[in-house]
């Protein structure tokens, strides 16, 4: 898995083929954050294009992908922040 590890049960089919950022079975590798951010930028660009062309179905799918990206970014954030003030 290029972005991390997939925790689907062994030898089960993947219903999210090539949509790992939307899959709850993907455990992100924090080292892949720069790649995830690039995917996010590319997806935002595609979303703008879809909106300009009125591709409603594509807009929904891209918004879902962006939500999945946000969830993956949250997943790799530290679980707590220490206030040093």
PDB file of N, CA and C in Angstrom:
ATOM      1  N   UNK A   1       0.862  -1.170   0.000  1.00  0.00           N
ATOM      2  CA  UNK A   1       0.000   0.000   0.000  1.00  0.00           C
ATOM      3  C   UNK A   1       0.902   1.224   0.000  1.00  0.00           C
ATOM      4  N   UNK A   2       0.762   2.071  -0.975  1.00  0.00           N
ATOM      5  CA  UNK A   2       1.652   3.213  -1.137  1.00  0.00           C
ATOM      6  C   UNK A   2       1.486   4.274  -0.056  1.00  0.00           C
ATOM      7  N   UNK A   3       0.300   4.420   0.508  1.00  0.00           N
ATOM      8  CA  UNK A   3       0.053   5.457   1.511  1.00  0.00           C
ATOM      9  C   UNK A   3       0.093   4.933   2.942  1.00  0.00           C
ATOM     10  N   UNK A   4       0.181   3.633   3.097  1.00  0.00           N
ATOM     11  CA  UNK A   4       0.175   3.044   4.428  1.00  0.00           C
ATOM     12  C   UNK A   4      -0.120   1.564   4.340  1.00  0.00           C
ATOM     13  N   UNK A   5      -0.775   1.037   5.359  1.00  0.00           N
ATOM     14  CA  UNK A   5      -1.105  -0.381   5.413  1.00  0.00           C
ATOM     15  C   UNK A   5      -2.612  -0.581   5.330  1.00  0.00           C
ATOM     16  N   UNK A   6      -3.009  -1.587   4.561  1.00  0.00           N
ATOM     17  CA  UNK A   6      -4.424  -1.918   4.438  1.00  0.00           C
ATOM     18  C   UNK A   6      -4.741  -3.027   5.431  1.00  0.00           C
ATOM     19  N   UNK A   7      -5.769  -2.815   6.223  1.00  0.00           N
ATOM     20  CA  UNK A   7      -6.139  -3.779   7.241  1.00  0.00           C
ATOM     21  C   UNK A   7      -7.392  -4.570   6.881  1.00  0.00           C
ATOM     22  N   UNK A   8      -7.650  -4.718   5.576  1.00  0.00           N
ATOM     23  CA  UNK A   8      -8.733  -5.609   5.161  1.00  0.00           C
ATOM     24  C   UNK A   8      -8.337  -7.040   5.500  1.00  0.00           C
ATOM     25  N   UNK A   9      -9.296  -7.892   5.806  1.00  0.00           N
ATOM     26  CA  UNK A   9      -8.967  -9.301   6.052  1.00  0.00           C
ATOM     27  C   UNK A   9      -8.258  -9.912   4.837  1.00  0.00           C
ATOM     28  N   UNK A  10      -7.310 -10.764   5.100  1.00  0.00           N
ATOM     29  CA  UNK A  10      -6.502 -11.396   4.055  1.00  0.00           C
ATOM     30  C   UNK A  10      -7.368 -12.037   2.974  1.00  0.00           C
ATOM     31  N   UNK A  11      -7.014 -11.777   1.734  1.00  0.00           N
ATOM     32  CA  UNK A  11      -7.644 -12.315   0.521  1.00  0.00           C
ATOM     33  C   UNK A  11      -9.109 -11.922   0.358  1.00  0.00           C
ATOM     34  N   UNK A  12      -9.510 -10.799   0.908  1.00  0.00           N
ATOM     35  CA  UNK A  12     -10.864 -10.311   0.659  1.00  0.00           C
ATOM     36  C   UNK A  12     -10.802  -9.299  -0.475  1.00  0.00           C
ATOM     37  N   UNK A  13     -11.831  -9.240  -1.303  1.00  0.00           N
ATOM     38  CA  UNK A  13     -11.818  -8.278  -2.401  1.00  0.00           C
ATOM     39  C   UNK A  13     -11.925  -6.849  -1.875  1.00  0.00           C
ATOM     40  N   UNK A  14     -11.304  -5.945  -2.596  1.00  0.00           N
ATOM     41  CA  UNK A  14     -11.348  -4.536  -2.196  1.00  0.00           C
ATOM     42  C   UNK A  14     -12.408  -3.806  -3.012  1.00  0.00           C
ATOM     43  N   UNK A  15     -13.477  -3.324  -2.350  1.00  0.00           N
ATOM     44  CA  UNK A  15     -14.519  -2.605  -3.083  1.00  0.00           C
ATOM     45  C   UNK A  15     -14.115  -1.176  -3.414  1.00  0.00           C
ATOM     46  N   UNK A  16     -12.962  -0.728  -2.917  1.00  0.00           N
ATOM     47  CA  UNK A  16     -12.530   0.657  -3.110  1.00  0.00           C
ATOM     48  C   UNK A  16     -11.373   0.770  -4.086  1.00  0.00           C
ATOM     49  N   UNK A  17     -11.270  -0.132  -5.017  1.00  0.00           N
ATOM     50  CA  UNK A  17     -10.106  -0.196  -5.889  1.00  0.00           C
ATOM     51  C   UNK A  17      -9.606   1.190  -6.291  1.00  0.00           C
ATOM     52  N   UNK A  18      -8.370   1.464  -5.957  1.00  0.00           N
ATOM     53  CA  UNK A  18      -7.676   2.729  -6.258  1.00  0.00           C
ATOM     54  C   UNK A  18      -8.335   3.945  -5.609  1.00  0.00           C
ATOM     55  N   UNK A  19      -9.044   3.744  -4.522  1.00  0.00           N
ATOM     56  CA  UNK A  19      -9.658   4.857  -3.792  1.00  0.00           C
ATOM     57  C   UNK A  19      -9.318   4.739  -2.307  1.00  0.00           C
ATOM     58  N   UNK A  20      -8.085   4.375  -2.022  1.00  0.00           N
ATOM     59  CA  UNK A  20      -7.679   4.079  -0.647  1.00  0.00           C
ATOM     60  C   UNK A  20      -7.898   5.241   0.312  1.00  0.00           C
ATOM     61  N   UNK A  21      -7.782   6.464  -0.142  1.00  0.00           N
ATOM     62  CA  UNK A  21      -7.971   7.584   0.779  1.00  0.00           C
ATOM     63  C   UNK A  21      -9.403   7.638   1.302  1.00  0.00           C
ATOM     64  N   UNK A  22     -10.303   6.954   0.660  1.00  0.00           N
ATOM     65  CA  UNK A  22     -11.691   6.905   1.109  1.00  0.00           C
ATOM     66  C   UNK A  22     -11.989   5.651   1.919  1.00  0.00           C
ATOM     67  N   UNK A  23     -11.033   4.765   2.044  1.00  0.00           N
ATOM     68  CA  UNK A  23     -11.254   3.458   2.672  1.00  0.00           C
ATOM     69  C   UNK A  23     -10.918   3.489   4.154  1.00  0.00           C
ATOM     70  N   UNK A  24     -11.843   3.041   5.011  1.00  0.00           N
ATOM     71  CA  UNK A  24     -11.558   3.016   6.444  1.00  0.00           C
ATOM     72  C   UNK A  24     -10.525   1.953   6.825  1.00  0.00           C
ATOM     73  N   UNK A  25     -10.187   1.033   5.931  1.00  0.00           N
ATOM     74  CA  UNK A  25      -9.214  -0.012   6.239  1.00  0.00           C
ATOM     75  C   UNK A  25      -7.770   0.456   6.047  1.00  0.00           C
ATOM     76  N   UNK A  26      -7.571   1.650   5.483  1.00  0.00           N
ATOM     77  CA  UNK A  26      -6.216   2.156   5.276  1.00  0.00           C
ATOM     78  C   UNK A  26      -5.710   2.837   6.537  1.00  0.00           C
ATOM     79  N   UNK A  27      -4.592   2.379   7.055  1.00  0.00           N
ATOM     80  CA  UNK A  27      -3.890   3.020   8.175  1.00  0.00           C
ATOM     81  C   UNK A  27      -2.730   3.796   7.559  1.00  0.00           C
ATOM     82  N   UNK A  28      -2.843   5.124   7.589  1.00  0.00           N
ATOM     83  CA  UNK A  28      -1.863   5.994   6.941  1.00  0.00           C
ATOM     84  C   UNK A  28      -0.477   5.884   7.570  1.00  0.00           C
ATOM     85  N   UNK A  29       0.527   5.932   6.729  1.00  0.00           N
ATOM     86  CA  UNK A  29       1.916   6.059   7.160  1.00  0.00           C
ATOM     87  C   UNK A  29       2.200   7.561   7.258  1.00  0.00           C
ATOM     88  N   UNK A  30       2.537   8.082   8.436  1.00  0.00           N
ATOM     89  CA  UNK A  30       2.774   9.522   8.576  1.00  0.00           C
ATOM     90  C   UNK A  30       3.821  10.069   7.606  1.00  0.00           C
ATOM     91  N   UNK A  31       4.752   9.248   7.192  1.00  0.00           N
ATOM     92  CA  UNK A  31       5.774   9.692   6.236  1.00  0.00           C
ATOM     93  C   UNK A  31       5.178  10.009   4.866  1.00  0.00           C
ATOM     94  N   UNK A  32       3.959   9.550   4.614  1.00  0.00           N
ATOM     95  CA  UNK A  32       3.313   9.771   3.322  1.00  0.00           C
ATOM     96  C   UNK A  32       2.448  11.029   3.295  1.00  0.00           C
ATOM     97  N   UNK A  33       2.500  11.829   4.356  1.00  0.00           N
ATOM     98  CA  UNK A  33       1.700  13.061   4.402  1.00  0.00           C
ATOM     99  C   UNK A  33       1.950  13.974   3.208  1.00  0.00           C
ATOM    100  N   UNK A  34       3.196  14.208   2.787  1.00  0.00           N
ATOM    101  CA  UNK A  34       3.384  15.061   1.599  1.00  0.00           C
ATOM    102  C   UNK A  34       2.669  14.522   0.359  1.00  0.00           C
ATOM    103  N   UNK A  35       2.683  13.224   0.194  1.00  0.00           N
ATOM    104  CA  UNK A  35       1.988  12.613  -0.954  1.00  0.00           C
ATOM    105  C   UNK A  35       0.478  12.792  -0.821  1.00  0.00           C
ATOM    106  N   UNK A  36      -0.042  12.629   0.401  1.00  0.00           N
ATOM    107  CA  UNK A  36      -1.465  12.816   0.643  1.00  0.00           C
ATOM    108  C   UNK A  36      -1.874  14.253   0.353  1.00  0.00           C
ATOM    109  N   UNK A  37      -1.045  15.209   0.733  1.00  0.00           N
ATOM    110  CA  UNK A  37      -1.335  16.622   0.459  1.00  0.00           C
ATOM    111  C   UNK A  37      -1.346  16.880  -1.041  1.00  0.00           C
ATOM    112  N   UNK A  38      -0.450  16.253  -1.786  1.00  0.00           N
ATOM    113  CA  UNK A  38      -0.456  16.406  -3.246  1.00  0.00           C
ATOM    114  C   UNK A  38      -1.739  15.823  -3.838  1.00  0.00           C
ATOM    115  N   UNK A  39      -2.163  14.674  -3.339  1.00  0.00           N
ATOM    116  CA  UNK A  39      -3.424  14.075  -3.795  1.00  0.00           C
ATOM    117  C   UNK A  39      -4.583  15.017  -3.484  1.00  0.00           C
ATOM    118  N   UNK A  40      -4.549  15.638  -2.309  1.00  0.00           N
ATOM    119  CA  UNK A  40      -5.588  16.584  -1.919  1.00  0.00           C
ATOM    120  C   UNK A  40      -5.633  17.771  -2.881  1.00  0.00           C
ATOM    121  N   UNK A  41      -4.481  18.338  -3.211  1.00  0.00           N
ATOM    122  CA  UNK A  41      -4.432  19.475  -4.152  1.00  0.00           C
ATOM    123  C   UNK A  41      -4.969  19.074  -5.522  1.00  0.00           C
ATOM    124  N   UNK A  42      -4.558  17.907  -6.004  1.00  0.00           N
ATOM    125  CA  UNK A  42      -5.036  17.423  -7.304  1.00  0.00           C
ATOM    126  C   UNK A  42      -6.550  17.230  -7.284  1.00  0.00           C
ATOM    127  N   UNK A  43      -7.068  16.697  -6.185  1.00  0.00           N
ATOM    128  CA  UNK A  43      -8.506  16.459  -6.063  1.00  0.00           C
ATOM    129  C   UNK A  43      -9.264  17.777  -6.018  1.00  0.00           C
ATOM    130  N   UNK A  44      -8.730  18.771  -5.319  1.00  0.00           N
ATOM    131  CA  UNK A  44      -9.371  20.087  -5.284  1.00  0.00           C
ATOM    132  C   UNK A  44      -9.429  20.706  -6.678  1.00  0.00           C
ATOM    133  N   UNK A  45      -8.360  20.554  -7.450  1.00  0.00           N
ATOM    134  CA  UNK A  45      -8.346  21.061  -8.821  1.00  0.00           C
ATOM    135  C   UNK A  45      -9.412  20.364  -9.670  1.00  0.00           C
ATOM    136  N   UNK A  46      -9.495  19.043  -9.527  1.00  0.00           N
ATOM    137  CA  UNK A  46     -10.510  18.284 -10.268  1.00  0.00           C
ATOM    138  C   UNK A  46     -11.920  18.699  -9.848  1.00  0.00           C
ATOM    139  N   UNK A  47     -12.103  18.993  -8.567  1.00  0.00           N
ATOM    140  CA  UNK A  47     -13.406  19.428  -8.066  1.00  0.00           C
ATOM    141  C   UNK A  47     -13.808  20.761  -8.692  1.00  0.00           C
ATOM    142  N   UNK A  48     -12.874  21.691  -8.774  1.00  0.00           N
ATOM    143  CA  UNK A  48     -13.170  22.972  -9.429  1.00  0.00           C
ATOM    144  C   UNK A  48     -13.588  22.766 -10.877  1.00  0.00           C
ATOM    145  N   UNK A  49     -12.864  21.910 -11.581  1.00  0.00           N
ATOM    146  CA  UNK A  49     -13.192  21.607 -12.973  1.00  0.00           C
ATOM    147  C   UNK A  49     -14.585  20.985 -13.087  1.00  0.00           C
ATOM    148  N   UNK A  50     -14.896  20.045 -12.200  1.00  0.00           N
ATOM    149  CA  UNK A  50     -16.201  19.387 -12.238  1.00  0.00           C
ATOM    150  C   UNK A  50     -17.324  20.385 -11.981  1.00  0.00           C
ATOM    151  N   UNK A  51     -17.107  21.294 -11.040  1.00  0.00           N
ATOM    152  CA  UNK A  51     -18.119  22.321 -10.764  1.00  0.00           C
ATOM    153  C   UNK A  51     -18.312  23.242 -11.965  1.00  0.00           C
ATOM    154  N   UNK A  52     -17.218  23.640 -12.596  1.00  0.00           N
ATOM    155  CA  UNK A  52     -17.302  24.518 -13.770  1.00  0.00           C
ATOM    156  C   UNK A  52     -18.096  23.877 -14.901  1.00  0.00           C
ATOM    157  N   UNK A  53     -17.975  22.564 -15.046  1.00  0.00           N
ATOM    158  CA  UNK A  53     -18.665  21.855 -16.127  1.00  0.00           C
ATOM    159  C   UNK A  53     -20.040  21.335 -15.724  1.00  0.00           C
ATOM    160  N   UNK A  54     -20.407  21.522 -14.457  1.00  0.00           N
ATOM    161  CA  UNK A  54     -21.718  21.066 -14.005  1.00  0.00           C
ATOM    162  C   UNK A  54     -21.836  19.561 -13.884  1.00  0.00           C
ATOM    163  N   UNK A  55     -20.728  18.891 -13.591  1.00  0.00           N
ATOM    164  CA  UNK A  55     -20.733  17.436 -13.463  1.00  0.00           C
ATOM    165  C   UNK A  55     -21.117  17.065 -12.037  1.00  0.00           C
ATOM    166  N   UNK A  56     -22.390  17.062 -11.753  1.00  0.00           N
ATOM    167  CA  UNK A  56     -22.899  16.889 -10.385  1.00  0.00           C
ATOM    168  C   UNK A  56     -22.435  15.587  -9.742  1.00  0.00           C
ATOM    169  N   UNK A  57     -22.490  14.501 -10.459  1.00  0.00           N
ATOM    170  CA  UNK A  57     -22.060  13.213  -9.904  1.00  0.00           C
ATOM    171  C   UNK A  57     -20.587  13.214  -9.555  1.00  0.00           C
ATOM    172  N   UNK A  58     -19.795  13.796 -10.426  1.00  0.00           N
ATOM    173  CA  UNK A  58     -18.355  13.884 -10.180  1.00  0.00           C
ATOM    174  C   UNK A  58     -18.054  14.773  -8.978  1.00  0.00           C
ATOM    175  N   UNK A  59     -18.823  15.851  -8.831  1.00  0.00           N
ATOM    176  CA  UNK A  59     -18.648  16.754  -7.685  1.00  0.00           C
ATOM    177  C   UNK A  59     -18.859  15.980  -6.382  1.00  0.00           C
ATOM    178  N   UNK A  60     -19.915  15.190  -6.314  1.00  0.00           N
ATOM    179  CA  UNK A  60     -20.205  14.409  -5.105  1.00  0.00           C
ATOM    180  C   UNK A  60     -19.070  13.439  -4.805  1.00  0.00           C
ATOM    181  N   UNK A  61     -18.593  12.744  -5.818  1.00  0.00           N
ATOM    182  CA  UNK A  61     -17.515  11.775  -5.626  1.00  0.00           C
ATOM    183  C   UNK A  61     -16.231  12.453  -5.153  1.00  0.00           C
ATOM    184  N   UNK A  62     -15.894  13.579  -5.737  1.00  0.00           N
ATOM    185  CA  UNK A  62     -14.679  14.296  -5.352  1.00  0.00           C
ATOM    186  C   UNK A  62     -14.793  14.886  -3.949  1.00  0.00           C
ATOM    187  N   UNK A  63     -15.977  15.354  -3.595  1.00  0.00           N
ATOM    188  CA  UNK A  63     -16.182  15.842  -2.227  1.00  0.00           C
ATOM    189  C   UNK A  63     -16.034  14.703  -1.226  1.00  0.00           C
ATOM    190  N   UNK A  64     -16.509  13.520  -1.584  1.00  0.00           N
ATOM    191  CA  UNK A  64     -16.357  12.342  -0.729  1.00  0.00           C
ATOM    192  C   UNK A  64     -14.879  11.988  -0.581  1.00  0.00           C
ATOM    193  N   UNK A  65     -14.151  12.082  -1.672  1.00  0.00           N
ATOM    194  CA  UNK A  65     -12.714  11.817  -1.624  1.00  0.00           C
ATOM    195  C   UNK A  65     -12.008  12.826  -0.729  1.00  0.00           C
ATOM    196  N   UNK A  66     -12.355  14.097  -0.838  1.00  0.00           N
ATOM    197  CA  UNK A  66     -11.735  15.120   0.010  1.00  0.00           C
ATOM    198  C   UNK A  66     -12.053  14.872   1.487  1.00  0.00           C
ATOM    199  N   UNK A  67     -13.245  14.409   1.781  1.00  0.00           N
ATOM    200  CA  UNK A  67     -13.591  14.068   3.168  1.00  0.00           C
ATOM    201  C   UNK A  67     -12.720  12.915   3.657  1.00  0.00           C
ATOM    202  N   UNK A  68     -12.512  11.929   2.804  1.00  0.00           N
ATOM    203  CA  UNK A  68     -11.636  10.808   3.160  1.00  0.00           C
ATOM    204  C   UNK A  68     -10.208  11.260   3.396  1.00  0.00           C
ATOM    205  N   UNK A  69      -9.738  12.194   2.583  1.00  0.00           N
ATOM    206  CA  UNK A  69      -8.389  12.734   2.767  1.00  0.00           C
ATOM    207  C   UNK A  69      -8.289  13.454   4.101  1.00  0.00           C
ATOM    208  N   UNK A  70      -9.294  14.231   4.435  1.00  0.00           N
ATOM    209  CA  UNK A  70      -9.303  14.925   5.722  1.00  0.00           C
ATOM    210  C   UNK A  70      -9.238  13.918   6.868  1.00  0.00           C
ATOM    211  N   UNK A  71      -9.999  12.855   6.768  1.00  0.00           N
ATOM    212  CA  UNK A  71     -10.003  11.829   7.811  1.00  0.00           C
ATOM    213  C   UNK A  71      -8.631  11.166   7.938  1.00  0.00           C
ATOM    214  N   UNK A  72      -7.953  10.939   6.810  1.00  0.00           N
ATOM    215  CA  UNK A  72      -6.611  10.351   6.853  1.00  0.00           C
ATOM    216  C   UNK A  72      -5.616  11.326   7.464  1.00  0.00           C
ATOM    217  N   UNK A  73      -5.759  12.616   7.170  1.00  0.00           N
ATOM    218  CA  UNK A  73      -4.867  13.609   7.769  1.00  0.00           C
ATOM    219  C   UNK A  73      -5.065  13.666   9.280  1.00  0.00           C
ATOM    220  N   UNK A  74      -6.309  13.587   9.725  1.00  0.00           N
ATOM    221  CA  UNK A  74      -6.606  13.572  11.161  1.00  0.00           C
ATOM    222  C   UNK A  74      -6.022  12.309  11.794  1.00  0.00           C
ATOM    223  N   UNK A  75      -6.111  11.199  11.084  1.00  0.00           N
ATOM    224  CA  UNK A  75      -5.626   9.912  11.585  1.00  0.00           C
ATOM    225  C   UNK A  75      -4.133   9.958  11.921  1.00  0.00           C
ATOM    226  N   UNK A  76      -3.368  10.695  11.148  1.00  0.00           N
ATOM    227  CA  UNK A  76      -1.921  10.697  11.368  1.00  0.00           C
ATOM    228  C   UNK A  76      -1.441  11.866  12.226  1.00  0.00           C
ATOM    229  N   UNK A  77      -2.369  12.687  12.708  1.00  0.00           N
ATOM    230  CA  UNK A  77      -2.003  13.778  13.605  1.00  0.00           C
ATOM    231  C   UNK A  77      -1.742  13.206  14.995  1.00  0.00           C
ATOM    232  N   UNK A  78      -0.899  13.876  15.766  1.00  0.00           N
ATOM    233  CA  UNK A  78      -0.692  13.418  17.152  1.00  0.00           C
ATOM    234  C   UNK A  78      -2.032  13.385  17.892  1.00  0.00           C
ATOM    235  N   UNK A  79      -2.179  12.430  18.778  1.00  0.00           N
ATOM    236  CA  UNK A  79      -3.448  12.281  19.489  1.00  0.00           C
ATOM    237  C   UNK A  79      -3.635  13.337  20.562  1.00  0.00           C
ATOM    238  N   UNK A  80      -2.585  14.030  20.932  1.00  0.00           N
ATOM    239  CA  UNK A  80      -2.711  15.107  21.902  1.00  0.00           C
ATOM    240  C   UNK A  80      -1.678  16.199  21.595  1.00  0.00           C
ATOM    241  N   UNK A  81      -1.989  17.380  22.013  1.00  0.00           N
ATOM    242  CA  UNK A  81      -1.094  18.514  21.825  1.00  0.00           C
ATOM    243  C   UNK A  81      -0.699  19.014  23.197  1.00  0.00           C
ATOM    244  N   UNK A  82       0.581  19.172  23.406  1.00  0.00           N
ATOM    245  CA  UNK A  82       1.072  19.641  24.690  1.00  0.00           C
ATOM    246  C   UNK A  82       1.219  21.159  24.612  1.00  0.00           C
ATOM    247  N   UNK A  83       0.558  21.854  25.525  1.00  0.00           N
ATOM    248  CA  UNK A  83       0.633  23.320  25.585  1.00  0.00           C
ATOM    249  C   UNK A  83       1.870  23.696  26.388  1.00  0.00           C
ATOM    250  N   UNK A  84       2.798  24.428  25.744  1.00  0.00           N
ATOM    251  CA  UNK A  84       4.052  24.806  26.406  1.00  0.00           C
ATOM    252  C   UNK A  84       4.017  26.198  26.962  1.00  0.00           C
ATOM    253  N   UNK A  85       2.891  26.875  26.899  1.00  0.00           N
ATOM    254  CA  UNK A  85       2.797  28.246  27.412  1.00  0.00           C
ATOM    255  C   UNK A  85       2.610  28.257  28.902  1.00  0.00           C
TER     256      UNK A  85
END
